[in-house]
């Protein structure tokens, strides 16, 4: 119960910063209401992934060299965790083809998902978590599943395809800017707001 409350607090405190930033970005860079909403969802999703995977923050960085580089070892004994890892990256595979034309290709989408999960596992070196090759495999599978879901949705609903109507270069730049903003917010800003939130909550109790 406390884990759910803590996760909810992290996402809410992140949204306090991310939603206004995305609205400003919509006016200055994106210039499209539909795409702005999609990028807002994407930013909040990335913030949730950051929180769920327990990545480091300005308040918590600890080098902990715990690795598991043997593929598929122990996966059969941790089925629930593997399923959750797959589901965690399904939204990434769904959102990328909508946000940028480049990611209408499965190879590009899976490579992006692979790069994100490798980055997550690398950053977990600076936390209490284990860097696990199986997480990379299951996250990549989730990204691929999400891609196929969106491919079906784009075929069934052509209006959705118009969201990524900007030039490929522009939409790619928007995507990378949003990813960078989320990282900066979650590493530097959100922990400060979250600490203040908990302090006020405890003071109220």
Foldseek 3Di string as FASTA:
>chain_A
DVLVVLLVLLLVLLLVPLVVVLVVCCVVAVVDPVLSVLLSVVLSLVSSVCVVLVFAAPVAFAQAAAEAEDPPVPCVVVVVVLVVLLQSQLVQLQSVVLQAVVSLDLVVQLVVQLVVLVVSLVRCSGDPDYSYPSSSVSSSNSSSNSNVVNNVVCVVDVVSNCSNVDDRVSSVVVVVVSVVVSVCCSHYPSVVSSVVVVVVVVVVD
